C-alpha atoms as a PDB file:
ATOM      1  CA  MET A   1      20.671  -2.130   4.920  1.00  0.00           C
ATOM      2  CA  SER A   2      21.627   0.698   2.565  1.00  0.00           C
ATOM      3  CA  THR A   3      22.221  -1.821  -0.222  1.00  0.00           C
ATOM      4  CA  ASP A   4      18.832  -3.433   0.413  1.00  0.00           C
ATOM      5  CA  LEU A   5      17.146  -0.003   0.437  1.00  0.00           C
ATOM      6  CA  GLY A   6      18.878   0.879  -2.825  1.00  0.00           C
ATOM      7  CA  ASP A   7      17.665  -2.378  -4.368  1.00  0.00           C
ATOM      8  CA  LEU A   8      14.125  -1.740  -3.111  1.00  0.00           C
ATOM      9  CA  ASP A   9      14.155   1.836  -4.421  1.00  0.00           C
ATOM     10  CA  SER A  10      15.315   0.550  -7.812  1.00  0.00           C
ATOM     11  CA  GLN A  11      12.555  -2.066  -7.842  1.00  0.00           C
ATOM     12  CA  VAL A  12       9.774   0.395  -6.982  1.00  0.00           C
ATOM     13  CA  HIS A  13      10.968   2.701  -9.780  1.00  0.00           C
ATOM     14  CA  LYS A  14      10.717  -0.244 -12.194  1.00  0.00           C
ATOM     15  CA  ASP A  15       7.265  -1.102 -10.802  1.00  0.00           C
ATOM     16  CA  LEU A  16       6.086   2.471 -11.431  1.00  0.00           C
ATOM     17  CA  VAL A  17       7.340   2.495 -15.021  1.00  0.00           C
ATOM     18  CA  SER A  18       5.825  -0.955 -15.686  1.00  0.00           C
ATOM     19  CA  TYR A  19       2.477   0.163 -14.267  1.00  0.00           C
ATOM     20  CA  ARG A  20       2.454   3.353 -16.322  1.00  0.00           C
ATOM     21  CA  HIS A  21       3.426   1.461 -19.492  1.00  0.00           C
ATOM     22  CA  ALA A  22       0.794  -1.275 -18.931  1.00  0.00           C
ATOM     23  CA  ASN A  23      -1.913   1.361 -18.366  1.00  0.00           C
ATOM     24  CA  GLY A  24      -0.991   3.473 -21.385  1.00  0.00           C
ATOM     25  CA  LEU A  25       0.106   6.468 -19.327  1.00  0.00           C
ATOM     26  CA  SER A  26       2.389   8.844 -21.152  1.00  0.00           C
ATOM     27  CA  PRO A  27       5.198   9.175 -20.585  1.00  0.00           C
ATOM     28  CA  ALA A  28       5.770   5.720 -19.133  1.00  0.00           C
ATOM     29  CA  ARG A  29       8.909   7.019 -17.440  1.00  0.00           C
ATOM     30  CA  PRO A  30       7.908  10.210 -15.589  1.00  0.00           C
ATOM     31  CA  ARG A  31       9.948  13.376 -16.056  1.00  0.00           C
ATOM     32  CA  ARG A  32      12.833  13.765 -13.621  1.00  0.00           C
ATOM     33  CA  ASP A  33      11.067  16.588 -11.775  1.00  0.00           C
ATOM     34  CA  ALA A  34       7.699  14.790 -11.536  1.00  0.00           C
ATOM     35  CA  VAL A  35       6.100  14.838  -8.087  1.00  0.00           C
ATOM     36  CA  VAL A  36       5.581  11.074  -8.192  1.00  0.00           C
ATOM     37  CA  LEU A  37       9.340  10.543  -8.587  1.00  0.00           C
ATOM     38  CA  ARG A  38      10.199  13.053  -5.866  1.00  0.00           C
ATOM     39  CA  ILE A  39       7.947  11.189  -3.448  1.00  0.00           C
ATOM     40  CA  LEU A  40       9.316   7.833  -4.599  1.00  0.00           C
ATOM     41  CA  ASP A  41      12.896   9.011  -4.086  1.00  0.00           C
ATOM     42  CA  SER A  42      12.172  10.019  -0.484  1.00  0.00           C
ATOM     43  CA  LEU A  43      10.353   6.864   0.663  1.00  0.00           C
ATOM     44  CA  ALA A  44      13.353   5.586   2.623  1.00  0.00           C
ATOM     45  CA  THR A  45      13.039   8.589   4.941  1.00  0.00           C
ATOM     46  CA  ASP A  46       9.346   9.438   4.552  1.00  0.00           C
ATOM     47  CA  LEU A  47       7.675   6.139   5.389  1.00  0.00           C
ATOM     48  CA  VAL A  48       4.284   7.629   6.297  1.00  0.00           C
ATOM     49  CA  LEU A  49       2.822  10.479   4.263  1.00  0.00           C
ATOM     50  CA  THR A  50      -0.244  12.675   4.205  1.00  0.00           C
ATOM     51  CA  ILE A  51      -1.280  14.886   1.306  1.00  0.00           C
ATOM     52  CA  GLU A  52      -0.247  17.951   3.278  1.00  0.00           C
ATOM     53  CA  THR A  53       3.195  16.639   4.295  1.00  0.00           C
ATOM     54  CA  ALA A  54       3.965  15.488   0.747  1.00  0.00           C
ATOM     55  CA  ALA A  55       2.863  18.841  -0.701  1.00  0.00           C
ATOM     56  CA  ARG A  56       4.876  20.842   1.837  1.00  0.00           C
ATOM     57  CA  LYS A  57       8.035  18.737   1.541  1.00  0.00           C
ATOM     58  CA  HIS A  58       8.070  18.748  -2.255  1.00  0.00           C
ATOM     59  CA  GLY A  59       6.805  22.304  -2.746  1.00  0.00           C
ATOM     60  CA  VAL A  60       3.731  21.351  -4.774  1.00  0.00           C
ATOM     61  CA  SER A  61      -0.016  21.858  -4.485  1.00  0.00           C
ATOM     62  CA  THR A  62      -2.086  19.444  -2.424  1.00  0.00           C
ATOM     63  CA  ALA A  63      -3.827  18.377  -5.657  1.00  0.00           C
ATOM     64  CA  ALA A  64      -0.482  17.408  -7.252  1.00  0.00           C
ATOM     65  CA  ALA A  65       0.602  15.575  -4.099  1.00  0.00           C
ATOM     66  CA  HIS A  66      -2.735  13.741  -3.964  1.00  0.00           C
ATOM     67  CA  ARG A  67      -2.450  12.606  -7.605  1.00  0.00           C
ATOM     68  CA  ALA A  68       1.066  11.279  -6.997  1.00  0.00           C
ATOM     69  CA  LEU A  69       0.105   9.448  -3.787  1.00  0.00           C
ATOM     70  CA  VAL A  70      -2.928   7.873  -5.464  1.00  0.00           C
ATOM     71  CA  GLU A  71      -0.800   6.716  -8.400  1.00  0.00           C
ATOM     72  CA  LEU A  72       1.767   5.147  -6.070  1.00  0.00           C
ATOM     73  CA  ALA A  73      -1.064   3.405  -4.208  1.00  0.00           C
ATOM     74  CA  LYS A  74      -2.463   2.038  -7.486  1.00  0.00           C
ATOM     75  CA  VAL A  75       0.964   0.641  -8.313  1.00  0.00           C
ATOM     76  CA  GLY A  76       1.102  -1.029  -4.889  1.00  0.00           C
ATOM     77  CA  ILE A  77       4.097   0.953  -3.667  1.00  0.00           C
ATOM     78  CA  LEU A  78       2.071   2.804  -1.031  1.00  0.00           C
ATOM     79  CA  SER A  79      -0.830   1.559   1.038  1.00  0.00           C
ATOM     80  CA  ARG A  80      -3.767   3.681   2.089  1.00  0.00           C
ATOM     81  CA  THR A  81      -4.683   3.787   5.751  1.00  0.00           C
ATOM     82  CA  LYS A  82      -8.259   4.793   6.493  1.00  0.00           C
ATOM     83  CA  ASP A  83     -10.047   5.947   9.613  1.00  0.00           C
ATOM     84  CA  HIS A  84     -13.208   4.349  10.994  1.00  0.00           C
ATOM     85  CA  LYS A  85     -15.338   6.353   8.523  1.00  0.00           C
ATOM     86  CA  GLY A  86     -13.362   5.147   5.511  1.00  0.00           C
ATOM     87  CA  LYS A  87     -11.510   8.418   4.956  1.00  0.00           C
ATOM     88  CA  VAL A  88      -7.875   8.069   3.891  1.00  0.00           C
ATOM     89  CA  ILE A  89      -5.696   9.530   6.625  1.00  0.00           C
ATOM     90  CA  CYS A  90      -2.244   8.595   5.354  1.00  0.00           C
ATOM     91  CA  TRP A  91      -0.214   6.531   2.929  1.00  0.00           C
ATOM     92  CA  THR A  92       2.502   4.139   4.098  1.00  0.00           C
ATOM     93  CA  ALA A  93       5.530   2.665   2.357  1.00  0.00           C
ATOM     94  CA  ASP A  94       4.969  -0.860   3.674  1.00  0.00           C
ATOM     95  CA  GLN A  95       7.797  -2.498   1.728  1.00  0.00           C
ATOM     96  CA  HIS A  96      10.275   0.001   3.164  1.00  0.00           C
ATOM     97  CA  LEU A  97       8.803  -0.418   6.650  1.00  0.00           C
ATOM     98  CA  ALA A  98       9.100  -4.212   6.338  1.00  0.00           C
ATOM     99  CA  LEU A  99      12.750  -3.936   5.318  1.00  0.00           C
ATOM    100  CA  ILE A 100      13.514  -1.741   8.302  1.00  0.00           C
ATOM    101  CA  ALA A 101      11.609  -4.099  10.625  1.00  0.00           C
ATOM    102  CA  LEU A 102      13.530  -7.074   9.221  1.00  0.00           C
ATOM    103  CA  THR A 103      16.838  -5.278   9.758  1.00  0.00           C
ATOM    104  CA  GLU A 104      15.873  -4.337  13.302  1.00  0.00           C
ATOM    105  CA  ARG A 105      14.764  -7.904  13.944  1.00  0.00           C
ATOM    106  CA  SER A 106      18.101  -9.289  12.745  1.00  0.00           C
ATOM    107  CA  ASN A 107      19.984  -6.768  14.894  1.00  0.00           C
ATOM    108  CA  ARG A 108      18.272  -8.180  17.972  1.00  0.00           C
ATOM    109  CA  VAL A 109      19.972 -11.527  17.422  1.00  0.00           C
ATOM    110  CA  GLY A 110      23.355  -9.992  16.785  1.00  0.00           C
ATOM    111  CA  ALA A 111      22.906  -9.584  13.007  1.00  0.00           C
ATOM    112  CA  GLY A 112      22.478 -13.318  12.647  1.00  0.00           C
ATOM    113  CA  ASP A 113      20.062 -15.237  10.493  1.00  0.00           C
ATOM    114  CA  THR A 114      16.597 -14.887  11.995  1.00  0.00           C
ATOM    115  CA  GLU A 115      15.279 -17.918  10.139  1.00  0.00           C
ATOM    116  CA  VAL A 116      17.086 -20.264  12.491  1.00  0.00           C
ATOM    117  CA  ARG A 117      17.154 -18.181  15.639  1.00  0.00           C
ATOM    118  CA  ARG A 118      14.275 -16.027  16.830  1.00  0.00           C
ATOM    119  CA  PRO A 119      15.325 -12.673  18.303  1.00  0.00           C
ATOM    120  CA  HIS A 120      14.791 -12.152  22.014  1.00  0.00           C
ATOM    121  CA  LEU A 121      11.784  -9.850  22.393  1.00  0.00           C
ATOM    122  CA  GLY A 122      11.933  -9.028  18.696  1.00  0.00           C
ATOM    123  CA  PRO A 123       8.950  -8.300  16.483  1.00  0.00           C
ATOM    124  CA  PRO A 124       7.683 -11.090  14.233  1.00  0.00           C
ATOM    125  CA  ALA A 125       9.146 -11.384  10.750  1.00  0.00           C
ATOM    126  CA  PRO A 126       7.335  -9.205   8.217  1.00  0.00           C
ATOM    127  CA  ALA A 127       5.326 -10.939   5.516  1.00  0.00           C
ATOM    128  CA  ARG A 128       7.229 -11.281   2.270  1.00  0.00           C
ATOM    129  CA  HIS A 129       4.546 -10.208  -0.168  1.00  0.00           C
ATOM    130  CA  ARG A 130       3.581  -7.054  -2.001  1.00  0.00           C
ATOM    131  CA  ALA A 131       1.498  -4.570  -0.113  1.00  0.00           C
ATOM    132  CA  THR A 132      -2.172  -4.396  -0.982  1.00  0.00           C
ATOM    133  CA  PRO A 133      -3.137  -0.953  -2.290  1.00  0.00           C
ATOM    134  CA  ASP A 134      -5.984  -0.440   0.189  1.00  0.00           C
ATOM    135  CA  ARG A 135      -6.180  -1.456   3.797  1.00  0.00           C
ATOM    136  CA  ALA A 136      -8.378  -0.350   6.635  1.00  0.00           C
ATOM    137  CA  ALA A 137      -6.858   1.402   9.601  1.00  0.00           C
ATOM    138  CA  GLN A 138      -6.355  -0.760  12.621  1.00  0.00           C
ATOM    139  CA  GLY A 139      -8.273   0.609  15.549  1.00  0.00           C
END
């Protein structure tokens, strides 16, 4: 799983740089201390974020945390979860969550291939597609 997480982290970094380059953002590769990179580097452990938790964890203002979370959502790395009034309540790292769910699912069949053998009482396989930037909260 650590190898898969490393590969996913590498891919989301590339996705961020590609997005920034395609949209004319300068610099295309954010500075090493940029909030967006700090959040990106912690996605494997911080799968669900709010503006306040991101700001507190990374020692930045809520405005800086908000800008970084919005950028990561525009890239498709994070998904927005909204309440019944349409207010964003949190951001989720769906690709990371799917990888963890897939690993857990395979562990339920003894680390075997879950394509040929369904795990006993395991969750369904996660969809293998990129997360959509916006999604409504499920009630």
